């Protein structure tokens, strides 16, 4: 079955460049999936942390919960 290759390559003039990083375990041709905070390989399970964590949202201002006794 053919897999979608849209977005994995970009063409500039006569050159073809890869837009995603290849898996270091599986080798060239197996790309790492791009997620918000990591990259992962669907074939072998290799994962790289992006290092950046998503920003935490501030709690809305308002009434706080009453203290429990």
PDB file of N, CA and C in Angstrom:
ATOM      1  N   UNK A   1       0.836  -1.169   0.000  1.00  0.00           N
ATOM      2  CA  UNK A   1       0.000   0.000   0.000  1.00  0.00           C
ATOM      3  C   UNK A   1       0.887   1.241   0.000  1.00  0.00           C
ATOM      4  N   UNK A   2       0.534   2.215  -0.808  1.00  0.00           N
ATOM      5  CA  UNK A   2       1.320   3.447  -0.912  1.00  0.00           C
ATOM      6  C   UNK A   2       1.011   4.364   0.268  1.00  0.00           C
ATOM      7  N   UNK A   3       2.035   5.026   0.755  1.00  0.00           N
ATOM      8  CA  UNK A   3       1.874   5.966   1.849  1.00  0.00           C
ATOM      9  C   UNK A   3       1.980   7.388   1.298  1.00  0.00           C
ATOM     10  N   UNK A   4       1.350   8.338   1.946  1.00  0.00           N
ATOM     11  CA  UNK A   4       1.377   9.737   1.513  1.00  0.00           C
ATOM     12  C   UNK A   4       2.767  10.319   1.740  1.00  0.00           C
ATOM     13  N   UNK A   5       3.296  10.988   0.744  1.00  0.00           N
ATOM     14  CA  UNK A   5       4.606  11.612   0.848  1.00  0.00           C
ATOM     15  C   UNK A   5       4.491  13.138   0.795  1.00  0.00           C
ATOM     16  N   UNK A   6       3.264  13.642   0.820  1.00  0.00           N
ATOM     17  CA  UNK A   6       3.044  15.074   0.740  1.00  0.00           C
ATOM     18  C   UNK A   6       3.592  15.727   2.001  1.00  0.00           C
ATOM     19  N   UNK A   7       4.414  16.734   1.855  1.00  0.00           N
ATOM     20  CA  UNK A   7       4.960  17.453   2.995  1.00  0.00           C
ATOM     21  C   UNK A   7       6.275  16.922   3.508  1.00  0.00           C
ATOM     22  N   UNK A   8       6.723  15.769   3.030  1.00  0.00           N
ATOM     23  CA  UNK A   8       7.995  15.217   3.494  1.00  0.00           C
ATOM     24  C   UNK A   8       9.175  15.752   2.687  1.00  0.00           C
ATOM     25  N   UNK A   9       8.898  16.291   1.512  1.00  0.00           N
ATOM     26  CA  UNK A   9       9.940  16.825   0.644  1.00  0.00           C
ATOM     27  C   UNK A   9       9.532  18.215   0.177  1.00  0.00           C
ATOM     28  N   UNK A  10      10.515  19.055  -0.106  1.00  0.00           N
ATOM     29  CA  UNK A  10      10.250  20.340  -0.739  1.00  0.00           C
ATOM     30  C   UNK A  10      11.159  20.457  -1.952  1.00  0.00           C
ATOM     31  N   UNK A  11      10.635  21.063  -2.996  1.00  0.00           N
ATOM     32  CA  UNK A  11      11.369  21.209  -4.249  1.00  0.00           C
ATOM     33  C   UNK A  11      11.726  22.673  -4.431  1.00  0.00           C
ATOM     34  N   UNK A  12      13.005  22.942  -4.619  1.00  0.00           N
ATOM     35  CA  UNK A  12      13.491  24.289  -4.911  1.00  0.00           C
ATOM     36  C   UNK A  12      14.394  24.201  -6.127  1.00  0.00           C
ATOM     37  N   UNK A  13      13.891  24.665  -7.245  1.00  0.00           N
ATOM     38  CA  UNK A  13      14.665  24.578  -8.484  1.00  0.00           C
ATOM     39  C   UNK A  13      14.811  23.130  -8.897  1.00  0.00           C
ATOM     40  N   UNK A  14      16.058  22.681  -9.013  1.00  0.00           N
ATOM     41  CA  UNK A  14      16.337  21.285  -9.394  1.00  0.00           C
ATOM     42  C   UNK A  14      16.695  20.414  -8.207  1.00  0.00           C
ATOM     43  N   UNK A  15      16.583  20.943  -6.995  1.00  0.00           N
ATOM     44  CA  UNK A  15      16.973  20.164  -5.817  1.00  0.00           C
ATOM     45  C   UNK A  15      15.753  19.722  -5.025  1.00  0.00           C
ATOM     46  N   UNK A  16      15.861  18.569  -4.430  1.00  0.00           N
ATOM     47  CA  UNK A  16      14.822  17.999  -3.585  1.00  0.00           C
ATOM     48  C   UNK A  16      15.387  17.913  -2.170  1.00  0.00           C
ATOM     49  N   UNK A  17      14.714  18.521  -1.200  1.00  0.00           N
ATOM     50  CA  UNK A  17      15.196  18.494   0.173  1.00  0.00           C
ATOM     51  C   UNK A  17      14.144  17.854   1.069  1.00  0.00           C
ATOM     52  N   UNK A  18      14.600  17.183   2.107  1.00  0.00           N
ATOM     53  CA  UNK A  18      13.697  16.550   3.070  1.00  0.00           C
ATOM     54  C   UNK A  18      13.286  17.574   4.110  1.00  0.00           C
ATOM     55  N   UNK A  19      12.014  17.568   4.471  1.00  0.00           N
ATOM     56  CA  UNK A  19      11.538  18.523   5.471  1.00  0.00           C
ATOM     57  C   UNK A  19      11.503  17.912   6.864  1.00  0.00           C
ATOM     58  N   UNK A  20      11.472  16.592   6.968  1.00  0.00           N
ATOM     59  CA  UNK A  20      11.447  15.911   8.258  1.00  0.00           C
ATOM     60  C   UNK A  20      12.767  15.184   8.478  1.00  0.00           C
ATOM     61  N   UNK A  21      13.100  14.961   9.733  1.00  0.00           N
ATOM     62  CA  UNK A  21      14.319  14.259  10.102  1.00  0.00           C
ATOM     63  C   UNK A  21      14.133  12.757   9.913  1.00  0.00           C
ATOM     64  N   UNK A  22      15.191  12.057   9.505  1.00  0.00           N
ATOM     65  CA  UNK A  22      15.147  10.605   9.353  1.00  0.00           C
ATOM     66  C   UNK A  22      15.432   9.924  10.684  1.00  0.00           C
ATOM     67  N   UNK A  23      14.924   8.709  10.839  1.00  0.00           N
ATOM     68  CA  UNK A  23      15.152   7.940  12.058  1.00  0.00           C
ATOM     69  C   UNK A  23      16.597   7.451  12.086  1.00  0.00           C
ATOM     70  N   UNK A  24      17.333   7.680  13.192  1.00  0.00           N
ATOM     71  CA  UNK A  24      18.723   7.216  13.257  1.00  0.00           C
ATOM     72  C   UNK A  24      18.849   5.695  13.356  1.00  0.00           C
ATOM     73  N   UNK A  25      17.820   5.009  13.851  1.00  0.00           N
ATOM     74  CA  UNK A  25      17.879   3.545  13.954  1.00  0.00           C
ATOM     75  C   UNK A  25      17.502   2.868  12.639  1.00  0.00           C
ATOM     76  N   UNK A  26      16.437   3.349  11.992  1.00  0.00           N
ATOM     77  CA  UNK A  26      15.940   2.714  10.763  1.00  0.00           C
ATOM     78  C   UNK A  26      16.686   3.171   9.522  1.00  0.00           C
ATOM     79  N   UNK A  27      17.248   4.372   9.558  1.00  0.00           N
ATOM     80  CA  UNK A  27      18.012   4.871   8.436  1.00  0.00           C
ATOM     81  C   UNK A  27      17.209   5.779   7.523  1.00  0.00           C
ATOM     82  N   UNK A  28      17.859   6.243   6.435  1.00  0.00           N
ATOM     83  CA  UNK A  28      17.193   7.151   5.505  1.00  0.00           C
ATOM     84  C   UNK A  28      15.960   6.503   4.882  1.00  0.00           C
ATOM     85  N   UNK A  29      14.931   7.311   4.674  1.00  0.00           N
ATOM     86  CA  UNK A  29      13.703   6.800   4.084  1.00  0.00           C
ATOM     87  C   UNK A  29      12.614   6.567   5.102  1.00  0.00           C
ATOM     88  N   UNK A  30      12.973   6.475   6.376  1.00  0.00           N
ATOM     89  CA  UNK A  30      11.986   6.355   7.450  1.00  0.00           C
ATOM     90  C   UNK A  30      12.027   7.660   8.220  1.00  0.00           C
ATOM     91  N   UNK A  31      10.957   8.432   8.127  1.00  0.00           N
ATOM     92  CA  UNK A  31      10.922   9.754   8.722  1.00  0.00           C
ATOM     93  C   UNK A  31      10.331   9.726  10.123  1.00  0.00           C
ATOM     94  N   UNK A  32      10.735  10.702  10.928  1.00  0.00           N
ATOM     95  CA  UNK A  32      10.187  10.861  12.265  1.00  0.00           C
ATOM     96  C   UNK A  32       8.936  11.735  12.178  1.00  0.00           C
ATOM     97  N   UNK A  33       7.889  11.312  12.845  1.00  0.00           N
ATOM     98  CA  UNK A  33       6.650  12.083  12.876  1.00  0.00           C
ATOM     99  C   UNK A  33       6.861  13.302  13.767  1.00  0.00           C
ATOM    100  N   UNK A  34       6.353  14.443  13.327  1.00  0.00           N
ATOM    101  CA  UNK A  34       6.497  15.686  14.071  1.00  0.00           C
ATOM    102  C   UNK A  34       5.259  15.909  14.934  1.00  0.00           C
ATOM    103  N   UNK A  35       5.461  15.966  16.265  1.00  0.00           N
ATOM    104  CA  UNK A  35       4.397  16.258  17.206  1.00  0.00           C
ATOM    105  C   UNK A  35       4.714  17.594  17.874  1.00  0.00           C
ATOM    106  N   UNK A  36       3.857  18.065  18.749  1.00  0.00           N
ATOM    107  CA  UNK A  36       4.080  19.355  19.405  1.00  0.00           C
ATOM    108  C   UNK A  36       5.369  19.380  20.214  1.00  0.00           C
ATOM    109  N   UNK A  37       5.621  18.324  20.974  1.00  0.00           N
ATOM    110  CA  UNK A  37       6.754  18.339  21.891  1.00  0.00           C
ATOM    111  C   UNK A  37       7.731  17.187  21.685  1.00  0.00           C
ATOM    112  N   UNK A  38       7.605  16.462  20.584  1.00  0.00           N
ATOM    113  CA  UNK A  38       8.512  15.329  20.347  1.00  0.00           C
ATOM    114  C   UNK A  38       8.496  14.927  18.882  1.00  0.00           C
ATOM    115  N   UNK A  39       9.464  14.095  18.524  1.00  0.00           N
ATOM    116  CA  UNK A  39       9.513  13.436  17.216  1.00  0.00           C
ATOM    117  C   UNK A  39       9.546  11.946  17.487  1.00  0.00           C
ATOM    118  N   UNK A  40       8.805  11.169  16.696  1.00  0.00           N
ATOM    119  CA  UNK A  40       8.782   9.736  16.950  1.00  0.00           C
ATOM    120  C   UNK A  40       8.761   8.952  15.643  1.00  0.00           C
ATOM    121  N   UNK A  41       9.321   7.747  15.695  1.00  0.00           N
ATOM    122  CA  UNK A  41       9.345   6.835  14.554  1.00  0.00           C
ATOM    123  C   UNK A  41       8.221   5.826  14.738  1.00  0.00           C
ATOM    124  N   UNK A  42       7.392   5.675  13.729  1.00  0.00           N
ATOM    125  CA  UNK A  42       6.288   4.733  13.800  1.00  0.00           C
ATOM    126  C   UNK A  42       6.720   3.306  13.537  1.00  0.00           C
ATOM    127  N   UNK A  43       7.920   3.123  13.005  1.00  0.00           N
ATOM    128  CA  UNK A  43       8.385   1.777  12.667  1.00  0.00           C
ATOM    129  C   UNK A  43       9.054   1.094  13.856  1.00  0.00           C
ATOM    130  N   UNK A  44      10.000   1.784  14.509  1.00  0.00           N
ATOM    131  CA  UNK A  44      10.753   1.140  15.590  1.00  0.00           C
ATOM    132  C   UNK A  44      10.424   1.695  16.974  1.00  0.00           C
ATOM    133  N   UNK A  45       9.722   2.843  17.038  1.00  0.00           N
ATOM    134  CA  UNK A  45       9.361   3.413  18.324  1.00  0.00           C
ATOM    135  C   UNK A  45      10.369   4.402  18.886  1.00  0.00           C
ATOM    136  N   UNK A  46      11.413   4.719  18.133  1.00  0.00           N
ATOM    137  CA  UNK A  46      12.407   5.700  18.577  1.00  0.00           C
ATOM    138  C   UNK A  46      11.723   7.047  18.810  1.00  0.00           C
ATOM    139  N   UNK A  47      12.128   7.762  19.877  1.00  0.00           N
ATOM    140  CA  UNK A  47      11.506   9.042  20.181  1.00  0.00           C
ATOM    141  C   UNK A  47      12.554  10.051  20.632  1.00  0.00           C
ATOM    142  N   UNK A  48      12.395  11.288  20.167  1.00  0.00           N
ATOM    143  CA  UNK A  48      13.242  12.402  20.582  1.00  0.00           C
ATOM    144  C   UNK A  48      12.370  13.433  21.264  1.00  0.00           C
ATOM    145  N   UNK A  49      12.848  13.956  22.374  1.00  0.00           N
ATOM    146  CA  UNK A  49      12.115  15.005  23.067  1.00  0.00           C
ATOM    147  C   UNK A  49      12.431  16.321  22.391  1.00  0.00           C
ATOM    148  N   UNK A  50      11.405  17.163  22.242  1.00  0.00           N
ATOM    149  CA  UNK A  50      11.595  18.457  21.615  1.00  0.00           C
ATOM    150  C   UNK A  50      12.253  19.460  22.539  1.00  0.00           C
ATOM    151  N   UNK A  51      12.205  19.208  23.841  1.00  0.00           N
ATOM    152  CA  UNK A  51      12.818  20.099  24.796  1.00  0.00           C
ATOM    153  C   UNK A  51      11.892  21.201  25.258  1.00  0.00           C
ATOM    154  N   UNK A  52      11.018  21.665  24.392  1.00  0.00           N
ATOM    155  CA  UNK A  52      10.093  22.726  24.768  1.00  0.00           C
ATOM    156  C   UNK A  52       8.786  22.113  25.246  1.00  0.00           C
ATOM    157  N   UNK A  53       8.342  22.560  26.399  1.00  0.00           N
ATOM    158  CA  UNK A  53       7.063  22.089  26.910  1.00  0.00           C
ATOM    159  C   UNK A  53       6.004  23.117  26.574  1.00  0.00           C
ATOM    160  N   UNK A  54       4.788  22.689  26.342  1.00  0.00           N
ATOM    161  CA  UNK A  54       3.743  23.656  26.029  1.00  0.00           C
ATOM    162  C   UNK A  54       3.501  24.587  27.208  1.00  0.00           C
ATOM    163  N   UNK A  55       3.211  25.862  26.932  1.00  0.00           N
ATOM    164  CA  UNK A  55       3.003  26.797  28.039  1.00  0.00           C
ATOM    165  C   UNK A  55       1.772  26.443  28.846  1.00  0.00           C
ATOM    166  N   UNK A  56       1.878  26.627  30.158  1.00  0.00           N
ATOM    167  CA  UNK A  56       0.748  26.338  31.036  1.00  0.00           C
ATOM    168  C   UNK A  56      -0.218  27.517  30.985  1.00  0.00           C
ATOM    169  N   UNK A  57      -1.482  27.214  30.992  1.00  0.00           N
ATOM    170  CA  UNK A  57      -2.476  28.277  30.961  1.00  0.00           C
ATOM    171  C   UNK A  57      -2.732  28.760  32.380  1.00  0.00           C
ATOM    172  N   UNK A  58      -2.932  30.061  32.510  1.00  0.00           N
ATOM    173  CA  UNK A  58      -3.199  30.638  33.825  1.00  0.00           C
ATOM    174  C   UNK A  58      -4.620  30.310  34.240  1.00  0.00           C
ATOM    175  N   UNK A  59      -4.801  30.133  35.549  1.00  0.00           N
ATOM    176  CA  UNK A  59      -6.143  29.866  36.056  1.00  0.00           C
ATOM    177  C   UNK A  59      -6.961  31.149  35.969  1.00  0.00           C
ATOM    178  N   UNK A  60      -8.218  31.034  35.608  1.00  0.00           N
ATOM    179  CA  UNK A  60      -9.029  32.246  35.515  1.00  0.00           C
ATOM    180  C   UNK A  60      -9.242  32.875  36.886  1.00  0.00           C
ATOM    181  N   UNK A  61      -9.256  34.199  36.907  1.00  0.00           N
ATOM    182  CA  UNK A  61      -9.480  34.910  38.160  1.00  0.00           C
ATOM    183  C   UNK A  61     -10.934  34.747  38.572  1.00  0.00           C
ATOM    184  N   UNK A  62     -11.159  34.604  39.835  1.00  0.00           N
ATOM    185  CA  UNK A  62     -12.524  34.427  40.326  1.00  0.00           C
ATOM    186  C   UNK A  62     -12.493  33.853  41.712  1.00  0.00           C
ATOM    187  N   UNK A  63     -13.582  33.277  42.102  1.00  0.00           N
ATOM    188  CA  UNK A  63     -13.685  32.713  43.447  1.00  0.00           C
ATOM    189  C   UNK A  63     -12.794  31.488  43.556  1.00  0.00           C
ATOM    190  N   UNK A  64     -12.139  31.384  44.673  1.00  0.00           N
ATOM    191  CA  UNK A  64     -11.332  30.193  44.926  1.00  0.00           C
ATOM    192  C   UNK A  64     -12.187  29.202  45.703  1.00  0.00           C
ATOM    193  N   UNK A  65     -11.795  27.992  45.709  1.00  0.00           N
ATOM    194  CA  UNK A  65     -12.527  26.968  46.412  1.00  0.00           C
ATOM    195  C   UNK A  65     -12.433  27.209  47.911  1.00  0.00           C
ATOM    196  N   UNK A  66     -13.520  26.986  48.632  1.00  0.00           N
ATOM    197  CA  UNK A  66     -13.466  27.202  50.087  1.00  0.00           C
ATOM    198  C   UNK A  66     -12.548  26.177  50.742  1.00  0.00           C
ATOM    199  N   UNK A  67     -11.894  26.560  51.817  1.00  0.00           N
ATOM    200  CA  UNK A  67     -10.997  25.616  52.495  1.00  0.00           C
ATOM    201  C   UNK A  67     -11.790  24.467  53.103  1.00  0.00           C
ATOM    202  N   UNK A  68     -11.200  23.295  53.056  1.00  0.00           N
ATOM    203  CA  UNK A  68     -11.856  22.110  53.643  1.00  0.00           C
ATOM    204  C   UNK A  68     -11.392  21.958  55.065  1.00  0.00           C
ATOM    205  N   UNK A  69     -12.289  21.576  55.918  1.00  0.00           N
ATOM    206  CA  UNK A  69     -11.957  21.471  57.336  1.00  0.00           C
ATOM    207  C   UNK A  69     -11.666  20.058  57.734  1.00  0.00           C
TER     208      UNK A  69
END
